[in-house]
Amino acid sequence: DERIPKVLYGDITRIRQVIVNLVNNGVKFTNNGSVIVQTKLLKRESGVATVQFTVSDTGIGISKEDQDKLFTKFFRTGLANTIEGTGLGLTISKRLVELMGGEISFTSQLKKGSSFTFELPLSIKPKNPQKVESSSHDEDLTNLKILIAEDVPINQMVLSKMLKNLGIENIEIVNDGKEALEAATNGENEYDFILMDIQMPKLDGAQASRKILEFYQGDVPFKIIAVTANVMKDDFVLYRESGMVDVLSKPVNIKMLSHTLYKHIS
């Protein structure tokens, strides 16, 4: 929408997480067709622009009986055996939108697709301008070799782009936990880090990490970092027990990624 002001102020981390969660959800449930993100200016008054964000897909849709349970944490569709459940990501999205003073809703038609819409009040003027800190150590990262284990193409692209912006060019990508296990144990690759998504098909990230830990008998020659939206206390315990040294909370930003890599460089 060209009427939206070119500069708006809000919680970019939370907004990005909501959009990424909704897009990931659309991608997972759309085998053919498209996932479209649109924005629209609803109103502008008293220095505040109310912007509507819509993520629509042409996927499998949601049955009427499932729609009432959609935003519950442990909700899974009837395809849960072949596709990851949607509940946690949507629950987080709903909570984040509400924390930003907005509302989220959806419409869906079985076998035709779904449309998720959230509205946010965004300030036209900055409330608390902050300095962006820059790192003077980017050159220290350039020789790293990193494996990204992630099943969602848009997440692969975002992580890869951020790593390249940090000067890291030696990047490999695998699409599930089984491929991550094979790449990590075949003896052909000397990784410094594996960025391991948790919710992946065939073998989830925690299972893959545990098998890698067992393969190397506890002496893993690289560091495994969980990349996930599941950041509850019990989740952290599971990741540590699986051999992961740290957790990056989705959506990952470049400052967070850089800080975590520097922290674990020997």
C-alpha atoms as a PDB file:
ATOM      1  CA  ASP A   1       0.000   0.000   0.000  1.00  0.00           C
ATOM      2  CA  GLU A   2       1.702   3.189  -1.185  1.00  0.00           C
ATOM      3  CA  ARG A   3      -0.163   5.221   1.444  1.00  0.00           C
ATOM      4  CA  ILE A   4       1.850   3.636   4.263  1.00  0.00           C
ATOM      5  CA  PRO A   5       4.481   6.108   5.567  1.00  0.00           C
ATOM      6  CA  LYS A   6       7.985   5.213   4.406  1.00  0.00           C
ATOM      7  CA  VAL A   7       9.264   5.189   8.007  1.00  0.00           C
ATOM      8  CA  LEU A   8       7.321   3.734  10.938  1.00  0.00           C
ATOM      9  CA  TYR A   9       8.423   2.828  14.458  1.00  0.00           C
ATOM     10  CA  GLY A  10       7.509  -0.373  16.255  1.00  0.00           C
ATOM     11  CA  ASP A  11       9.002  -3.576  17.635  1.00  0.00           C
ATOM     12  CA  ILE A  12      10.695  -4.877  14.502  1.00  0.00           C
ATOM     13  CA  THR A  13      11.815  -8.123  16.172  1.00  0.00           C
ATOM     14  CA  ARG A  14       8.288  -9.067  17.209  1.00  0.00           C
ATOM     15  CA  ILE A  15       6.755  -7.969  13.908  1.00  0.00           C
ATOM     16  CA  ARG A  16       9.306 -10.030  11.986  1.00  0.00           C
ATOM     17  CA  GLN A  17       8.662 -13.074  14.177  1.00  0.00           C
ATOM     18  CA  VAL A  18       4.910 -12.901  13.590  1.00  0.00           C
ATOM     19  CA  ILE A  19       5.340 -12.563   9.822  1.00  0.00           C
ATOM     20  CA  VAL A  20       7.944 -15.358   9.671  1.00  0.00           C
ATOM     21  CA  ASN A  21       5.723 -17.654  11.758  1.00  0.00           C
ATOM     22  CA  LEU A  22       2.714 -17.032   9.516  1.00  0.00           C
ATOM     23  CA  VAL A  23       4.719 -17.400   6.294  1.00  0.00           C
ATOM     24  CA  ASN A  24       6.350 -20.621   7.545  1.00  0.00           C
ATOM     25  CA  ASN A  25       2.925 -21.961   8.421  1.00  0.00           C
ATOM     26  CA  GLY A  26       1.633 -21.111   4.948  1.00  0.00           C
ATOM     27  CA  VAL A  27       4.634 -22.692   3.223  1.00  0.00           C
ATOM     28  CA  LYS A  28       4.317 -25.941   5.192  1.00  0.00           C
ATOM     29  CA  PHE A  29       0.672 -26.371   4.254  1.00  0.00           C
ATOM     30  CA  THR A  30       0.869 -25.227   0.624  1.00  0.00           C
ATOM     31  CA  ASN A  31       2.160 -27.884  -1.764  1.00  0.00           C
ATOM     32  CA  ASN A  32       1.028 -25.998  -4.860  1.00  0.00           C
ATOM     33  CA  GLY A  33       0.107 -22.366  -5.381  1.00  0.00           C
ATOM     34  CA  SER A  34       1.367 -19.381  -3.436  1.00  0.00           C
ATOM     35  CA  VAL A  35       1.885 -17.665  -0.097  1.00  0.00           C
ATOM     36  CA  ILE A  36       1.356 -13.911  -0.328  1.00  0.00           C
ATOM     37  CA  VAL A  37       2.192 -11.151   2.175  1.00  0.00           C
ATOM     38  CA  GLN A  38       0.299  -7.867   1.837  1.00  0.00           C
ATOM     39  CA  THR A  39       0.131  -4.641   3.834  1.00  0.00           C
ATOM     40  CA  LYS A  40      -2.571  -2.000   3.961  1.00  0.00           C
ATOM     41  CA  LEU A  41      -2.950   1.337   5.753  1.00  0.00           C
ATOM     42  CA  LEU A  42      -6.209   1.274   7.710  1.00  0.00           C
ATOM     43  CA  LYS A  43      -5.995   4.725   9.275  1.00  0.00           C
ATOM     44  CA  ARG A  44      -3.581   7.471  10.223  1.00  0.00           C
ATOM     45  CA  GLU A  45      -4.239   9.853  13.080  1.00  0.00           C
ATOM     46  CA  SER A  46      -2.492  11.563  16.008  1.00  0.00           C
ATOM     47  CA  GLY A  47       0.950  10.419  14.880  1.00  0.00           C
ATOM     48  CA  VAL A  48      -0.078   6.763  14.663  1.00  0.00           C
ATOM     49  CA  ALA A  49      -0.579   4.648  11.550  1.00  0.00           C
ATOM     50  CA  THR A  50      -2.666   1.490  11.897  1.00  0.00           C
ATOM     51  CA  VAL A  51      -1.266  -1.036   9.442  1.00  0.00           C
ATOM     52  CA  GLN A  52      -2.891  -4.301   8.428  1.00  0.00           C
ATOM     53  CA  PHE A  53      -0.639  -7.254   7.563  1.00  0.00           C
ATOM     54  CA  THR A  54      -2.134 -10.209   5.696  1.00  0.00           C
ATOM     55  CA  VAL A  55      -0.494 -13.569   4.965  1.00  0.00           C
ATOM     56  CA  SER A  56      -2.646 -15.677   2.654  1.00  0.00           C
ATOM     57  CA  ASP A  57      -2.012 -19.061   1.080  1.00  0.00           C
ATOM     58  CA  THR A  58      -3.633 -21.487  -1.337  1.00  0.00           C
ATOM     59  CA  GLY A  59      -2.910 -24.484   0.872  1.00  0.00           C
ATOM     60  CA  ILE A  60      -4.997 -27.211   2.466  1.00  0.00           C
ATOM     61  CA  GLY A  61      -7.129 -24.888   4.576  1.00  0.00           C
ATOM     62  CA  ILE A  62      -8.514 -25.597   8.035  1.00  0.00           C
ATOM     63  CA  SER A  63     -11.677 -27.533   8.805  1.00  0.00           C
ATOM     64  CA  LYS A  64     -14.421 -25.794  10.800  1.00  0.00           C
ATOM     65  CA  GLU A  65     -13.964 -28.151  13.744  1.00  0.00           C
ATOM     66  CA  ASP A  66     -10.254 -27.310  13.924  1.00  0.00           C
ATOM     67  CA  GLN A  67     -10.638 -23.546  13.622  1.00  0.00           C
ATOM     68  CA  ASP A  68     -11.664 -23.020  17.267  1.00  0.00           C
ATOM     69  CA  LYS A  69      -8.480 -24.801  18.420  1.00  0.00           C
ATOM     70  CA  LEU A  70      -6.111 -23.091  16.014  1.00  0.00           C
ATOM     71  CA  PHE A  71      -4.317 -20.817  18.478  1.00  0.00           C
ATOM     72  CA  THR A  72      -3.839 -23.430  21.199  1.00  0.00           C
ATOM     73  CA  LYS A  73      -0.269 -24.448  21.970  1.00  0.00           C
ATOM     74  CA  PHE A  74      -0.510 -28.140  21.151  1.00  0.00           C
ATOM     75  CA  PHE A  75      -2.906 -27.991  18.221  1.00  0.00           C
ATOM     76  CA  ARG A  76      -2.094 -30.211  15.249  1.00  0.00           C
ATOM     77  CA  THR A  77      -4.062 -30.617  12.079  1.00  0.00           C
ATOM     78  CA  GLY A  78      -5.165 -33.942  10.698  1.00  0.00           C
ATOM     79  CA  LEU A  79      -1.905 -34.033   8.720  1.00  0.00           C
ATOM     80  CA  ALA A  80       0.248 -33.963  11.866  1.00  0.00           C
ATOM     81  CA  ASN A  81       1.960 -37.205  10.904  1.00  0.00           C
ATOM     82  CA  THR A  82       3.417 -35.717   7.742  1.00  0.00           C
ATOM     83  CA  ILE A  83       3.628 -32.001   8.543  1.00  0.00           C
ATOM     84  CA  GLU A  84       4.670 -30.259  11.728  1.00  0.00           C
ATOM     85  CA  GLY A  85       1.846 -28.936  13.899  1.00  0.00           C
ATOM     86  CA  THR A  86       0.980 -25.260  13.771  1.00  0.00           C
ATOM     87  CA  GLY A  87      -0.132 -24.544  17.314  1.00  0.00           C
ATOM     88  CA  LEU A  88       2.977 -23.188  19.025  1.00  0.00           C
ATOM     89  CA  GLY A  89       3.921 -20.758  16.237  1.00  0.00           C
ATOM     90  CA  LEU A  90       0.393 -19.371  16.020  1.00  0.00           C
ATOM     91  CA  THR A  91       0.064 -19.140  19.795  1.00  0.00           C
ATOM     92  CA  ILE A  92       3.300 -17.140  19.933  1.00  0.00           C
ATOM     93  CA  SER A  93       2.123 -14.946  17.046  1.00  0.00           C
ATOM     94  CA  LYS A  94      -1.177 -14.177  18.751  1.00  0.00           C
ATOM     95  CA  ARG A  95       0.570 -13.315  22.012  1.00  0.00           C
ATOM     96  CA  LEU A  96       3.128 -11.069  20.297  1.00  0.00           C
ATOM     97  CA  VAL A  97       0.454  -9.187  18.359  1.00  0.00           C
ATOM     98  CA  GLU A  98      -1.513  -8.602  21.556  1.00  0.00           C
ATOM     99  CA  LEU A  99       1.622  -7.389  23.376  1.00  0.00           C
ATOM    100  CA  MET A 100       2.074  -4.796  20.612  1.00  0.00           C
ATOM    101  CA  GLY A 101      -1.500  -3.581  21.083  1.00  0.00           C
ATOM    102  CA  GLY A 102      -2.872  -5.273  17.984  1.00  0.00           C
ATOM    103  CA  GLU A 103      -5.340  -7.957  16.986  1.00  0.00           C
ATOM    104  CA  ILE A 104      -5.026 -11.099  14.866  1.00  0.00           C
ATOM    105  CA  SER A 105      -7.730 -13.036  13.037  1.00  0.00           C
ATOM    106  CA  PHE A 106      -8.079 -15.523  10.214  1.00  0.00           C
ATOM    107  CA  THR A 107     -10.400 -16.961   7.620  1.00  0.00           C
ATOM    108  CA  SER A 108     -10.023 -20.393   6.089  1.00  0.00           C
ATOM    109  CA  GLN A 109     -11.724 -22.723   3.687  1.00  0.00           C
ATOM    110  CA  LEU A 110     -10.855 -26.408   3.573  1.00  0.00           C
ATOM    111  CA  LYS A 111      -8.866 -27.377   0.441  1.00  0.00           C
ATOM    112  CA  LYS A 112      -8.821 -23.743  -0.729  1.00  0.00           C
ATOM    113  CA  GLY A 113      -6.478 -21.968   1.671  1.00  0.00           C
ATOM    114  CA  SER A 114      -6.218 -19.642   4.641  1.00  0.00           C
ATOM    115  CA  SER A 115      -5.693 -15.952   5.300  1.00  0.00           C
ATOM    116  CA  PHE A 116      -4.221 -14.588   8.542  1.00  0.00           C
ATOM    117  CA  THR A 117      -4.573 -10.884   9.269  1.00  0.00           C
ATOM    118  CA  PHE A 118      -3.141  -8.795  12.077  1.00  0.00           C
ATOM    119  CA  GLU A 119      -3.433  -5.056  12.687  1.00  0.00           C
ATOM    120  CA  LEU A 120      -0.845  -2.971  14.540  1.00  0.00           C
ATOM    121  CA  PRO A 121      -0.701   0.671  15.656  1.00  0.00           C
ATOM    122  CA  LEU A 122       2.735   1.979  14.608  1.00  0.00           C
ATOM    123  CA  SER A 123       4.214   5.323  15.560  1.00  0.00           C
ATOM    124  CA  ILE A 124       5.112   7.749  12.788  1.00  0.00           C
ATOM    125  CA  LYS A 125       7.727   9.396  15.041  1.00  0.00           C
ATOM    126  CA  PRO A 126      10.411   7.550  17.039  1.00  0.00           C
ATOM    127  CA  LYS A 127       9.738   7.209  20.770  1.00  0.00           C
ATOM    128  CA  ASN A 128      13.238   6.334  21.958  1.00  0.00           C
ATOM    129  CA  PRO A 129      15.850   6.607  19.205  1.00  0.00           C
ATOM    130  CA  GLN A 130      18.694   4.174  19.847  1.00  0.00           C
ATOM    131  CA  LYS A 131      22.192   3.909  18.519  1.00  0.00           C
ATOM    132  CA  VAL A 132      22.880   0.827  16.485  1.00  0.00           C
ATOM    133  CA  GLU A 133      26.011  -0.832  17.764  1.00  0.00           C
ATOM    134  CA  SER A 134      28.424  -2.078  15.158  1.00  0.00           C
ATOM    135  CA  SER A 135      30.937  -4.837  15.575  1.00  0.00           C
ATOM    136  CA  SER A 136      34.586  -4.257  14.751  1.00  0.00           C
ATOM    137  CA  HIS A 137      35.432  -7.979  14.692  1.00  0.00           C
ATOM    138  CA  ASP A 138      33.637  -9.205  11.571  1.00  0.00           C
ATOM    139  CA  GLU A 139      36.921 -10.348  10.044  1.00  0.00           C
ATOM    140  CA  ASP A 140      37.262 -12.962  12.813  1.00  0.00           C
ATOM    141  CA  LEU A 141      34.268 -14.831  11.416  1.00  0.00           C
ATOM    142  CA  THR A 142      35.271 -15.022   7.772  1.00  0.00           C
ATOM    143  CA  ASN A 143      37.061 -18.374   7.976  1.00  0.00           C
ATOM    144  CA  LEU A 144      34.191 -20.191   9.656  1.00  0.00           C
ATOM    145  CA  LYS A 145      32.471 -23.116   7.955  1.00  0.00           C
ATOM    146  CA  ILE A 146      28.814 -23.375   8.919  1.00  0.00           C
ATOM    147  CA  LEU A 147      26.106 -25.936   8.228  1.00  0.00           C
ATOM    148  CA  ILE A 148      22.498 -24.724   8.262  1.00  0.00           C
ATOM    149  CA  ALA A 149      19.958 -27.463   9.026  1.00  0.00           C
ATOM    150  CA  GLU A 150      16.533 -26.000   8.208  1.00  0.00           C
ATOM    151  CA  ASP A 151      13.548 -27.334   6.252  1.00  0.00           C
ATOM    152  CA  VAL A 152      11.866 -24.013   5.373  1.00  0.00           C
ATOM    153  CA  PRO A 153      13.380 -22.304   2.285  1.00  0.00           C
ATOM    154  CA  ILE A 154      12.716 -18.740   3.457  1.00  0.00           C
ATOM    155  CA  ASN A 155      14.502 -19.449   6.758  1.00  0.00           C
ATOM    156  CA  GLN A 156      17.424 -20.987   4.862  1.00  0.00           C
ATOM    157  CA  MET A 157      17.666 -17.846   2.757  1.00  0.00           C
ATOM    158  CA  VAL A 158      17.459 -15.442   5.716  1.00  0.00           C
ATOM    159  CA  LEU A 159      20.110 -17.253   7.785  1.00  0.00           C
ATOM    160  CA  SER A 160      22.421 -17.642   4.802  1.00  0.00           C
ATOM    161  CA  LYS A 161      22.100 -13.953   3.930  1.00  0.00           C
ATOM    162  CA  MET A 162      22.907 -12.874   7.489  1.00  0.00           C
ATOM    163  CA  LEU A 163      25.977 -15.120   7.595  1.00  0.00           C
ATOM    164  CA  LYS A 164      27.204 -13.660   4.313  1.00  0.00           C
ATOM    165  CA  ASN A 165      26.669 -10.157   5.684  1.00  0.00           C
ATOM    166  CA  LEU A 166      29.020 -11.164   8.517  1.00  0.00           C
ATOM    167  CA  GLY A 167      31.630 -12.128   5.926  1.00  0.00           C
ATOM    168  CA  ILE A 168      31.029 -15.888   6.117  1.00  0.00           C
ATOM    169  CA  GLU A 169      30.961 -17.500   2.674  1.00  0.00           C
ATOM    170  CA  ASN A 170      31.626 -21.163   3.515  1.00  0.00           C
ATOM    171  CA  ILE A 171      28.013 -22.190   4.113  1.00  0.00           C
ATOM    172  CA  GLU A 172      26.214 -25.471   3.458  1.00  0.00           C
ATOM    173  CA  ILE A 173      22.482 -26.126   3.773  1.00  0.00           C
ATOM    174  CA  VAL A 174      20.581 -29.350   4.478  1.00  0.00           C
ATOM    175  CA  ASN A 175      16.819 -29.787   4.596  1.00  0.00           C
ATOM    176  CA  ASP A 176      16.151 -32.081   7.549  1.00  0.00           C
ATOM    177  CA  GLY A 177      17.671 -33.712  10.608  1.00  0.00           C
ATOM    178  CA  LYS A 178      18.637 -36.888   8.770  1.00  0.00           C
ATOM    179  CA  GLU A 179      20.673 -34.931   6.212  1.00  0.00           C
ATOM    180  CA  ALA A 180      22.263 -32.935   9.053  1.00  0.00           C
ATOM    181  CA  LEU A 181      23.320 -36.159  10.789  1.00  0.00           C
ATOM    182  CA  GLU A 182      24.826 -37.545   7.582  1.00  0.00           C
ATOM    183  CA  ALA A 183      26.720 -34.318   6.820  1.00  0.00           C
ATOM    184  CA  ALA A 184      28.040 -34.070  10.377  1.00  0.00           C
ATOM    185  CA  THR A 185      29.298 -37.654  10.602  1.00  0.00           C
ATOM    186  CA  ASN A 186      30.553 -38.571   7.119  1.00  0.00           C
ATOM    187  CA  GLY A 187      34.108 -37.394   7.831  1.00  0.00           C
ATOM    188  CA  GLU A 188      34.217 -35.186   4.745  1.00  0.00           C
ATOM    189  CA  ASN A 189      33.290 -31.866   6.351  1.00  0.00           C
ATOM    190  CA  GLU A 190      35.044 -29.869   9.039  1.00  0.00           C
ATOM    191  CA  TYR A 191      32.353 -27.550  10.340  1.00  0.00           C
ATOM    192  CA  ASP A 192      32.833 -24.927  13.014  1.00  0.00           C
ATOM    193  CA  PHE A 193      29.123 -24.607  13.741  1.00  0.00           C
ATOM    194  CA  ILE A 194      25.831 -26.278  12.910  1.00  0.00           C
ATOM    195  CA  LEU A 195      22.786 -24.003  13.127  1.00  0.00           C
ATOM    196  CA  MET A 196      20.135 -26.609  13.865  1.00  0.00           C
ATOM    197  CA  ASP A 197      16.414 -25.967  13.467  1.00  0.00           C
ATOM    198  CA  ILE A 198      14.373 -28.021  15.920  1.00  0.00           C
ATOM    199  CA  GLN A 199      11.135 -28.762  14.051  1.00  0.00           C
ATOM    200  CA  MET A 200      12.261 -30.694  10.977  1.00  0.00           C
ATOM    201  CA  PRO A 201      10.933 -33.780   9.144  1.00  0.00           C
ATOM    202  CA  LYS A 202      12.496 -37.269   9.261  1.00  0.00           C
ATOM    203  CA  LEU A 203      14.586 -36.399  12.330  1.00  0.00           C
ATOM    204  CA  ASP A 204      14.067 -33.320  14.486  1.00  0.00           C
ATOM    205  CA  GLY A 205      16.962 -31.102  15.510  1.00  0.00           C
ATOM    206  CA  ALA A 206      17.245 -32.394  19.071  1.00  0.00           C
ATOM    207  CA  GLN A 207      17.270 -36.027  17.892  1.00  0.00           C
ATOM    208  CA  ALA A 208      19.870 -35.273  15.219  1.00  0.00           C
ATOM    209  CA  SER A 209      22.054 -33.451  17.747  1.00  0.00           C
ATOM    210  CA  ARG A 210      21.829 -36.336  20.214  1.00  0.00           C
ATOM    211  CA  LYS A 211      22.860 -38.847  17.529  1.00  0.00           C
ATOM    212  CA  ILE A 212      25.799 -36.615  16.564  1.00  0.00           C
ATOM    213  CA  LEU A 213      26.822 -36.473  20.236  1.00  0.00           C
ATOM    214  CA  GLU A 214      26.656 -40.278  20.444  1.00  0.00           C
ATOM    215  CA  PHE A 215      28.628 -40.703  17.198  1.00  0.00           C
ATOM    216  CA  TYR A 216      31.506 -38.587  18.527  1.00  0.00           C
ATOM    217  CA  GLN A 217      31.202 -40.178  21.995  1.00  0.00           C
ATOM    218  CA  GLY A 218      30.638 -36.804  23.623  1.00  0.00           C
ATOM    219  CA  ASP A 219      33.619 -35.070  21.991  1.00  0.00           C
ATOM    220  CA  VAL A 220      31.923 -33.223  19.114  1.00  0.00           C
ATOM    221  CA  PRO A 221      34.516 -31.281  17.036  1.00  0.00           C
ATOM    222  CA  PHE A 222      32.110 -28.432  16.259  1.00  0.00           C
ATOM    223  CA  LYS A 223      29.414 -26.521  18.104  1.00  0.00           C
ATOM    224  CA  ILE A 224      25.698 -27.109  17.563  1.00  0.00           C
ATOM    225  CA  ILE A 225      23.364 -24.171  18.137  1.00  0.00           C
ATOM    226  CA  ALA A 226      19.597 -24.625  18.269  1.00  0.00           C
ATOM    227  CA  VAL A 227      17.570 -22.230  16.116  1.00  0.00           C
ATOM    228  CA  THR A 228      13.962 -22.303  17.260  1.00  0.00           C
ATOM    229  CA  ALA A 229      10.868 -20.485  18.451  1.00  0.00           C
ATOM    230  CA  ASN A 230      10.548 -23.053  21.269  1.00  0.00           C
ATOM    231  CA  VAL A 231      12.309 -21.227  24.081  1.00  0.00           C
ATOM    232  CA  MET A 232      10.575 -22.491  27.215  1.00  0.00           C
ATOM    233  CA  LYS A 233      12.721 -23.514  30.222  1.00  0.00           C
ATOM    234  CA  ASP A 234      12.153 -27.229  29.598  1.00  0.00           C
ATOM    235  CA  ASP A 235      13.178 -26.771  25.970  1.00  0.00           C
ATOM    236  CA  PHE A 236      16.552 -25.323  27.008  1.00  0.00           C
ATOM    237  CA  VAL A 237      17.189 -28.379  29.187  1.00  0.00           C
ATOM    238  CA  LEU A 238      16.373 -30.694  26.270  1.00  0.00           C
ATOM    239  CA  TYR A 239      18.718 -28.824  23.914  1.00  0.00           C
ATOM    240  CA  ARG A 240      21.599 -28.917  26.408  1.00  0.00           C
ATOM    241  CA  GLU A 241      21.112 -32.629  27.035  1.00  0.00           C
ATOM    242  CA  SER A 242      21.141 -33.182  23.262  1.00  0.00           C
ATOM    243  CA  GLY A 243      24.607 -31.645  22.962  1.00  0.00           C
ATOM    244  CA  MET A 244      23.672 -28.136  21.844  1.00  0.00           C
ATOM    245  CA  VAL A 245      25.793 -25.333  23.295  1.00  0.00           C
ATOM    246  CA  ASP A 246      23.371 -22.445  22.818  1.00  0.00           C
ATOM    247  CA  VAL A 247      19.979 -21.374  21.484  1.00  0.00           C
ATOM    248  CA  LEU A 248      19.078 -18.716  18.913  1.00  0.00           C
ATOM    249  CA  SER A 249      15.468 -17.643  19.302  1.00  0.00           C
ATOM    250  CA  LYS A 250      13.504 -17.144  16.081  1.00  0.00           C
ATOM    251  CA  PRO A 251      13.296 -14.757  14.414  1.00  0.00           C
ATOM    252  CA  VAL A 252      17.080 -14.468  14.436  1.00  0.00           C
ATOM    253  CA  ASN A 253      18.593 -11.041  13.833  1.00  0.00           C
ATOM    254  CA  ILE A 254      22.151 -10.380  12.699  1.00  0.00           C
ATOM    255  CA  LYS A 255      23.257  -8.843  16.004  1.00  0.00           C
ATOM    256  CA  MET A 256      22.048 -11.894  17.922  1.00  0.00           C
ATOM    257  CA  LEU A 257      23.691 -14.256  15.424  1.00  0.00           C
ATOM    258  CA  SER A 258      27.011 -12.391  15.482  1.00  0.00           C
ATOM    259  CA  HIS A 259      27.087 -12.248  19.293  1.00  0.00           C
ATOM    260  CA  THR A 260      26.399 -15.977  19.606  1.00  0.00           C
ATOM    261  CA  LEU A 261      29.081 -16.982  17.098  1.00  0.00           C
ATOM    262  CA  TYR A 262      31.718 -14.774  18.753  1.00  0.00           C
ATOM    263  CA  LYS A 263      30.800 -16.174  22.165  1.00  0.00           C
ATOM    264  CA  HIS A 264      31.628 -19.714  21.074  1.00  0.00           C
ATOM    265  CA  ILE A 265      34.744 -19.144  18.968  1.00  0.00           C
ATOM    266  CA  SER A 266      37.632 -20.945  20.634  1.00  0.00           C
END
